[in-house]
Structures are given as structure tokens and as C-alpha cells.
Amino acid sequence: MRNDRIATFIRESRKAAGLTQEEFAMRSGLGLRFVHDLEQGKETVRLDKVNQALAMFGMEAVPGRIERKAEDKQL
């Protein structure tokens, strides 16, 4: 799931930068609750805010191919 990949990227990048969720929220201009939801892979987050978070690491969400599980490919 794409949200899991973004969540993992944000969480790992934030930790590598030595930032707590609160520090990251303050520096990125996002709310702490949003940062928490984003890192938990919540499916209903706003794309503009996702891009605001990703911009902290020089990234943005762009269209990409959906990675399907092996069992889904057989259908």
C-alpha cells in the first residue's frame, strides 16, 4: 500500500534527522496529529499536507505504478 511506503519514509527520515514528531510538526508547519496520522499510514490524509511533509526531505508524492501482491496478479 502506498500510504505505508510514505509513512515509513517520513518516519525513518524524521528519525534519521534526529527530530521528534513534535519538532517535525513545528518545522514543517503541520499539526502534530497530522504527523502522527501520516506516520501511522492513515488512508485519508490530504495530499497537499503529505507533500508539505515530504518537502522537508526534498521529495513529493507523484503518480507511480501500483505494486500488486502476487495473489492479486493471478486474478
PDB file of N, CA and C in Angstrom:
ATOM      1  N   MET A   1       0.840  -1.177   0.000  1.00  0.00           N
ATOM      2  CA  MET A   1       0.000   0.000   0.000  1.00  0.00           C
ATOM      3  C   MET A   1       0.889   1.247   0.000  1.00  0.00           C
ATOM      4  N   ARG A   2       0.577   2.199  -0.845  1.00  0.00           N
ATOM      5  CA  ARG A   2       1.385   3.405  -0.991  1.00  0.00           C
ATOM      6  C   ARG A   2       1.462   4.204   0.310  1.00  0.00           C
ATOM      7  N   ASN A   3       0.356   4.289   1.067  1.00  0.00           N
ATOM      8  CA  ASN A   3       0.382   5.044   2.323  1.00  0.00           C
ATOM      9  C   ASN A   3       1.414   4.471   3.291  1.00  0.00           C
ATOM     10  N   ASP A   4       1.573   3.161   3.288  1.00  0.00           N
ATOM     11  CA  ASP A   4       2.564   2.540   4.171  1.00  0.00           C
ATOM     12  C   ASP A   4       3.978   2.942   3.757  1.00  0.00           C
ATOM     13  N   ARG A   5       4.224   3.028   2.462  1.00  0.00           N
ATOM     14  CA  ARG A   5       5.552   3.425   1.976  1.00  0.00           C
ATOM     15  C   ARG A   5       5.854   4.871   2.361  1.00  0.00           C
ATOM     16  N   ILE A   6       4.874   5.740   2.207  1.00  0.00           N
ATOM     17  CA  ILE A   6       5.065   7.145   2.581  1.00  0.00           C
ATOM     18  C   ILE A   6       5.239   7.253   4.087  1.00  0.00           C
ATOM     19  N   ALA A   7       4.424   6.538   4.840  1.00  0.00           N
ATOM     20  CA  ALA A   7       4.517   6.568   6.302  1.00  0.00           C
ATOM     21  C   ALA A   7       5.896   6.130   6.767  1.00  0.00           C
ATOM     22  N   THR A   8       6.376   5.044   6.197  1.00  0.00           N
ATOM     23  CA  THR A   8       7.699   4.529   6.561  1.00  0.00           C
ATOM     24  C   THR A   8       8.785   5.523   6.181  1.00  0.00           C
ATOM     25  N   PHE A   9       8.693   6.095   4.988  1.00  0.00           N
ATOM     26  CA  PHE A   9       9.691   7.075   4.554  1.00  0.00           C
ATOM     27  C   PHE A   9       9.730   8.279   5.491  1.00  0.00           C
ATOM     28  N   ILE A  10       8.572   8.836   5.813  1.00  0.00           N
ATOM     29  CA  ILE A  10       8.518  10.011   6.701  1.00  0.00           C
ATOM     30  C   ILE A  10       9.076   9.666   8.073  1.00  0.00           C
ATOM     31  N   ARG A  11       8.622   8.555   8.642  1.00  0.00           N
ATOM     32  CA  ARG A  11       9.063   8.164   9.997  1.00  0.00           C
ATOM     33  C   ARG A  11      10.577   7.947  10.042  1.00  0.00           C
ATOM     34  N   GLU A  12      11.100   7.182   9.071  1.00  0.00           N
ATOM     35  CA  GLU A  12      12.533   6.892   9.069  1.00  0.00           C
ATOM     36  C   GLU A  12      13.361   8.144   8.785  1.00  0.00           C
ATOM     37  N   SER A  13      12.902   8.986   7.887  1.00  0.00           N
ATOM     38  CA  SER A  13      13.631  10.221   7.569  1.00  0.00           C
ATOM     39  C   SER A  13      13.620  11.182   8.744  1.00  0.00           C
ATOM     40  N   ARG A  14      12.475  11.276   9.403  1.00  0.00           N
ATOM     41  CA  ARG A  14      12.372  12.151  10.579  1.00  0.00           C
ATOM     42  C   ARG A  14      13.326  11.690  11.669  1.00  0.00           C
ATOM     43  N   LYS A  15      13.328  10.398  11.928  1.00  0.00           N
ATOM     44  CA  LYS A  15      14.209   9.861  12.965  1.00  0.00           C
ATOM     45  C   LYS A  15      15.678  10.030  12.581  1.00  0.00           C
ATOM     46  N   ALA A  16      16.009   9.816  11.315  1.00  0.00           N
ATOM     47  CA  ALA A  16      17.395   9.995  10.851  1.00  0.00           C
ATOM     48  C   ALA A  16      17.848  11.442  11.015  1.00  0.00           C
ATOM     49  N   ALA A  17      16.896  12.370  10.910  1.00  0.00           N
ATOM     50  CA  ALA A  17      17.207  13.789  11.095  1.00  0.00           C
ATOM     51  C   ALA A  17      17.267  14.163  12.578  1.00  0.00           C
ATOM     52  N   GLY A  18      16.958  13.197  13.447  1.00  0.00           N
ATOM     53  CA  GLY A  18      17.009  13.438  14.887  1.00  0.00           C
ATOM     54  C   GLY A  18      15.861  14.284  15.403  1.00  0.00           C
ATOM     55  N   LEU A  19      14.707  14.213  14.720  1.00  0.00           N
ATOM     56  CA  LEU A  19      13.555  15.025  15.113  1.00  0.00           C
ATOM     57  C   LEU A  19      12.475  14.167  15.764  1.00  0.00           C
ATOM     58  N   THR A  20      11.860  14.707  16.798  1.00  0.00           N
ATOM     59  CA  THR A  20      10.677  14.082  17.361  1.00  0.00           C
ATOM     60  C   THR A  20       9.505  14.433  16.446  1.00  0.00           C
ATOM     61  N   GLN A  21       8.386  13.773  16.639  1.00  0.00           N
ATOM     62  CA  GLN A  21       7.205  14.122  15.851  1.00  0.00           C
ATOM     63  C   GLN A  21       6.817  15.583  16.085  1.00  0.00           C
ATOM     64  N   GLU A  22       6.916  16.026  17.311  1.00  0.00           N
ATOM     65  CA  GLU A  22       6.564  17.406  17.640  1.00  0.00           C
ATOM     66  C   GLU A  22       7.503  18.397  16.945  1.00  0.00           C
ATOM     67  N   GLU A  23       8.795  18.132  16.980  1.00  0.00           N
ATOM     68  CA  GLU A  23       9.762  19.001  16.306  1.00  0.00           C
ATOM     69  C   GLU A  23       9.527  19.029  14.798  1.00  0.00           C
ATOM     70  N   PHE A  24       9.260  17.843  14.230  1.00  0.00           N
ATOM     71  CA  PHE A  24       8.993  17.768  12.802  1.00  0.00           C
ATOM     72  C   PHE A  24       7.733  18.561  12.448  1.00  0.00           C
ATOM     73  N   ALA A  25       6.701  18.414  13.248  1.00  0.00           N
ATOM     74  CA  ALA A  25       5.454  19.143  13.008  1.00  0.00           C
ATOM     75  C   ALA A  25       5.697  20.648  13.026  1.00  0.00           C
ATOM     76  N   MET A  26       6.429  21.117  14.002  1.00  0.00           N
ATOM     77  CA  MET A  26       6.699  22.554  14.116  1.00  0.00           C
ATOM     78  C   MET A  26       7.521  23.050  12.933  1.00  0.00           C
ATOM     79  N   ARG A  27       8.568  22.333  12.558  1.00  0.00           N
ATOM     80  CA  ARG A  27       9.443  22.766  11.462  1.00  0.00           C
ATOM     81  C   ARG A  27       8.761  22.712  10.104  1.00  0.00           C
ATOM     82  N   SER A  28       7.849  21.761   9.923  1.00  0.00           N
ATOM     83  CA  SER A  28       7.185  21.612   8.634  1.00  0.00           C
ATOM     84  C   SER A  28       5.914  22.441   8.531  1.00  0.00           C
ATOM     85  N   GLY A  29       5.467  22.993   9.655  1.00  0.00           N
ATOM     86  CA  GLY A  29       4.239  23.785   9.658  1.00  0.00           C
ATOM     87  C   GLY A  29       2.977  22.926   9.667  1.00  0.00           C
ATOM     88  N   LEU A  30       3.120  21.683  10.067  1.00  0.00           N
ATOM     89  CA  LEU A  30       1.994  20.762  10.136  1.00  0.00           C
ATOM     90  C   LEU A  30       1.592  20.535  11.584  1.00  0.00           C
ATOM     91  N   GLY A  31       0.385  20.059  11.786  1.00  0.00           N
ATOM     92  CA  GLY A  31      -0.072  19.735  13.121  1.00  0.00           C
ATOM     93  C   GLY A  31       0.499  18.413  13.598  1.00  0.00           C
ATOM     94  N   LEU A  32       0.693  18.294  14.890  1.00  0.00           N
ATOM     95  CA  LEU A  32       1.223  17.069  15.475  1.00  0.00           C
ATOM     96  C   LEU A  32       0.304  15.880  15.177  1.00  0.00           C
ATOM     97  N   ARG A  33      -0.990  16.089  15.264  1.00  0.00           N
ATOM     98  CA  ARG A  33      -1.933  14.994  14.985  1.00  0.00           C
ATOM     99  C   ARG A  33      -1.786  14.505  13.544  1.00  0.00           C
ATOM    100  N   PHE A  34      -1.609  15.453  12.593  1.00  0.00           N
ATOM    101  CA  PHE A  34      -1.434  15.061  11.200  1.00  0.00           C
ATOM    102  C   PHE A  34      -0.170  14.225  11.038  1.00  0.00           C
ATOM    103  N   VAL A  35       0.924  14.670  11.649  1.00  0.00           N
ATOM    104  CA  VAL A  35       2.179  13.930  11.538  1.00  0.00           C
ATOM    105  C   VAL A  35       2.003  12.521  12.104  1.00  0.00           C
ATOM    106  N   HIS A  36       1.348  12.405  13.221  1.00  0.00           N
ATOM    107  CA  HIS A  36       1.094  11.086  13.816  1.00  0.00           C
ATOM    108  C   HIS A  36       0.266  10.228  12.861  1.00  0.00           C
ATOM    109  N   ASP A  37      -0.843  10.784  12.346  1.00  0.00           N
ATOM    110  CA  ASP A  37      -1.697  10.031  11.422  1.00  0.00           C
ATOM    111  C   ASP A  37      -0.931   9.617  10.173  1.00  0.00           C
ATOM    112  N   LEU A  38      -0.120  10.516   9.649  1.00  0.00           N
ATOM    113  CA  LEU A  38       0.659  10.232   8.450  1.00  0.00           C
ATOM    114  C   LEU A  38       1.625   9.079   8.692  1.00  0.00           C
ATOM    115  N   GLU A  39       2.330   9.110   9.807  1.00  0.00           N
ATOM    116  CA  GLU A  39       3.290   8.053  10.124  1.00  0.00           C
ATOM    117  C   GLU A  39       2.610   6.722  10.438  1.00  0.00           C
ATOM    118  N   GLN A  40       1.344   6.758  10.788  1.00  0.00           N
ATOM    119  CA  GLN A  40       0.592   5.530  11.044  1.00  0.00           C
ATOM    120  C   GLN A  40      -0.043   4.976   9.770  1.00  0.00           C
ATOM    121  N   GLY A  41       0.127   5.693   8.642  1.00  0.00           N
ATOM    122  CA  GLY A  41      -0.397   5.212   7.366  1.00  0.00           C
ATOM    123  C   GLY A  41      -1.879   5.442   7.174  1.00  0.00           C
ATOM    124  N   LYS A  42      -2.440   6.431   7.877  1.00  0.00           N
ATOM    125  CA  LYS A  42      -3.866   6.724   7.719  1.00  0.00           C
ATOM    126  C   LYS A  42      -4.168   6.959   6.245  1.00  0.00           C
ATOM    127  N   GLU A  43      -5.240   6.364   5.768  1.00  0.00           N
ATOM    128  CA  GLU A  43      -5.554   6.408   4.344  1.00  0.00           C
ATOM    129  C   GLU A  43      -6.215   7.701   3.889  1.00  0.00           C
ATOM    130  N   THR A  44      -6.753   8.475   4.799  1.00  0.00           N
ATOM    131  CA  THR A  44      -7.493   9.678   4.410  1.00  0.00           C
ATOM    132  C   THR A  44      -6.759  10.947   4.839  1.00  0.00           C
ATOM    133  N   VAL A  45      -5.537  11.112   4.370  1.00  0.00           N
ATOM    134  CA  VAL A  45      -4.779  12.332   4.644  1.00  0.00           C
ATOM    135  C   VAL A  45      -4.781  13.206   3.392  1.00  0.00           C
ATOM    136  N   ARG A  46      -4.674  14.507   3.585  1.00  0.00           N
ATOM    137  CA  ARG A  46      -4.676  15.440   2.462  1.00  0.00           C
ATOM    138  C   ARG A  46      -3.345  15.407   1.730  1.00  0.00           C
ATOM    139  N   LEU A  47      -3.420  15.320   0.402  1.00  0.00           N
ATOM    140  CA  LEU A  47      -2.220  15.226  -0.417  1.00  0.00           C
ATOM    141  C   LEU A  47      -1.358  16.477  -0.306  1.00  0.00           C
ATOM    142  N   ASP A  48      -1.963  17.646  -0.192  1.00  0.00           N
ATOM    143  CA  ASP A  48      -1.154  18.863  -0.071  1.00  0.00           C
ATOM    144  C   ASP A  48      -0.323  18.840   1.207  1.00  0.00           C
ATOM    145  N   LYS A  49      -0.882  18.295   2.264  1.00  0.00           N
ATOM    146  CA  LYS A  49      -0.135  18.203   3.526  1.00  0.00           C
ATOM    147  C   LYS A  49       0.913  17.091   3.471  1.00  0.00           C
ATOM    148  N   VAL A  50       0.613  16.012   2.761  1.00  0.00           N
ATOM    149  CA  VAL A  50       1.600  14.949   2.562  1.00  0.00           C
ATOM    150  C   VAL A  50       2.809  15.549   1.845  1.00  0.00           C
ATOM    151  N   ASN A  51       2.544  16.326   0.798  1.00  0.00           N
ATOM    152  CA  ASN A  51       3.644  16.950   0.060  1.00  0.00           C
ATOM    153  C   ASN A  51       4.387  17.972   0.912  1.00  0.00           C
ATOM    154  N   GLN A  52       3.699  18.636   1.801  1.00  0.00           N
ATOM    155  CA  GLN A  52       4.356  19.567   2.718  1.00  0.00           C
ATOM    156  C   GLN A  52       5.332  18.815   3.620  1.00  0.00           C
ATOM    157  N   ALA A  53       4.928  17.642   4.087  1.00  0.00           N
ATOM    158  CA  ALA A  53       5.806  16.814   4.924  1.00  0.00           C
ATOM    159  C   ALA A  53       6.973  16.274   4.095  1.00  0.00           C
ATOM    160  N   LEU A  54       6.689  15.756   2.905  1.00  0.00           N
ATOM    161  CA  LEU A  54       7.743  15.200   2.048  1.00  0.00           C
ATOM    162  C   LEU A  54       8.748  16.265   1.623  1.00  0.00           C
ATOM    163  N   ALA A  55       8.299  17.500   1.467  1.00  0.00           N
ATOM    164  CA  ALA A  55       9.187  18.590   1.051  1.00  0.00           C
ATOM    165  C   ALA A  55      10.311  18.819   2.051  1.00  0.00           C
ATOM    166  N   MET A  56      10.109  18.443   3.288  1.00  0.00           N
ATOM    167  CA  MET A  56      11.160  18.577   4.303  1.00  0.00           C
ATOM    168  C   MET A  56      12.384  17.740   3.929  1.00  0.00           C
ATOM    169  N   PHE A  57      12.177  16.722   3.097  1.00  0.00           N
ATOM    170  CA  PHE A  57      13.262  15.830   2.701  1.00  0.00           C
ATOM    171  C   PHE A  57      13.507  15.893   1.197  1.00  0.00           C
ATOM    172  N   GLY A  58      13.057  16.987   0.574  1.00  0.00           N
ATOM    173  CA  GLY A  58      13.292  17.192  -0.851  1.00  0.00           C
ATOM    174  C   GLY A  58      12.518  16.238  -1.743  1.00  0.00           C
ATOM    175  N   MET A  59      11.362  15.787  -1.290  1.00  0.00           N
ATOM    176  CA  MET A  59      10.560  14.814  -2.033  1.00  0.00           C
ATOM    177  C   MET A  59       9.144  15.340  -2.219  1.00  0.00           C
ATOM    178  N   GLU A  60       8.395  14.712  -3.151  1.00  0.00           N
ATOM    179  CA  GLU A  60       6.979  14.981  -3.300  1.00  0.00           C
ATOM    180  C   GLU A  60       6.292  13.710  -3.799  1.00  0.00           C
ATOM    181  N   ALA A  61       4.996  13.617  -3.521  1.00  0.00           N
ATOM    182  CA  ALA A  61       4.217  12.472  -3.993  1.00  0.00           C
ATOM    183  C   ALA A  61       3.907  12.682  -5.468  1.00  0.00           C
ATOM    184  N   VAL A  62       4.195  11.671  -6.270  1.00  0.00           N
ATOM    185  CA  VAL A  62       3.945  11.736  -7.713  1.00  0.00           C
ATOM    186  C   VAL A  62       3.265  10.440  -8.152  1.00  0.00           C
ATOM    187  N   PRO A  63       2.605  10.461  -9.300  1.00  0.00           N
ATOM    188  CA  PRO A  63       1.979   9.230  -9.774  1.00  0.00           C
ATOM    189  C   PRO A  63       3.016   8.127  -9.970  1.00  0.00           C
ATOM    190  N   GLY A  64       2.634   6.928  -9.656  1.00  0.00           N
ATOM    191  CA  GLY A  64       3.510   5.778  -9.830  1.00  0.00           C
ATOM    192  C   GLY A  64       2.690   4.515 -10.004  1.00  0.00           C
ATOM    193  N   ARG A  65       3.319   3.504 -10.469  1.00  0.00           N
ATOM    194  CA  ARG A  65       2.640   2.218 -10.665  1.00  0.00           C
ATOM    195  C   ARG A  65       2.262   1.613  -9.320  1.00  0.00           C
ATOM    196  N   ILE A  66       1.129   0.986  -9.297  1.00  0.00           N
ATOM    197  CA  ILE A  66       0.656   0.300  -8.099  1.00  0.00           C
ATOM    198  C   ILE A  66       1.371  -1.041  -8.003  1.00  0.00           C
ATOM    199  N   GLU A  67       1.956  -1.292  -6.860  1.00  0.00           N
ATOM    200  CA  GLU A  67       2.600  -2.582  -6.627  1.00  0.00           C
ATOM    201  C   GLU A  67       1.538  -3.555  -6.153  1.00  0.00           C
ATOM    202  N   ARG A  68       1.347  -4.599  -6.911  1.00  0.00           N
ATOM    203  CA  ARG A  68       0.315  -5.591  -6.569  1.00  0.00           C
ATOM    204  C   ARG A  68       0.959  -6.809  -5.919  1.00  0.00           C
ATOM    205  N   LYS A  69       0.211  -7.387  -4.993  1.00  0.00           N
ATOM    206  CA  LYS A  69       0.657  -8.617  -4.354  1.00  0.00           C
ATOM    207  C   LYS A  69       0.578  -9.752  -5.367  1.00  0.00           C
ATOM    208  N   ALA A  70       1.343 -10.784  -5.179  1.00  0.00           N
ATOM    209  CA  ALA A  70       1.388 -11.921  -6.101  1.00  0.00           C
ATOM    210  C   ALA A  70       0.000 -12.529  -6.299  1.00  0.00           C
ATOM    211  N   GLU A  71      -0.765 -12.669  -5.224  1.00  0.00           N
ATOM    212  CA  GLU A  71      -2.093 -13.277  -5.347  1.00  0.00           C
ATOM    213  C   GLU A  71      -3.044 -12.392  -6.153  1.00  0.00           C
ATOM    214  N   ASP A  72      -2.859 -11.051  -6.106  1.00  0.00           N
ATOM    215  CA  ASP A  72      -3.683 -10.131  -6.889  1.00  0.00           C
ATOM    216  C   ASP A  72      -3.358 -10.234  -8.371  1.00  0.00           C
ATOM    217  N   LYS A  73      -2.118 -10.519  -8.715  1.00  0.00           N
ATOM    218  CA  LYS A  73      -1.693 -10.607 -10.112  1.00  0.00           C
ATOM    219  C   LYS A  73      -2.325 -11.790 -10.829  1.00  0.00           C
ATOM    220  N   GLN A  74      -2.682 -12.807 -10.076  1.00  0.00           N
ATOM    221  CA  GLN A  74      -3.253 -14.028 -10.670  1.00  0.00           C
ATOM    222  C   GLN A  74      -4.706 -13.850 -11.057  1.00  0.00           C
ATOM    223  N   LEU A  75      -5.357 -12.802 -10.584  1.00  0.00           N
ATOM    224  CA  LEU A  75      -6.784 -12.601 -10.887  1.00  0.00           C
ATOM    225  C   LEU A  75      -7.017 -12.158 -12.266  1.00  0.00           C
TER     226      LEU A  75
END
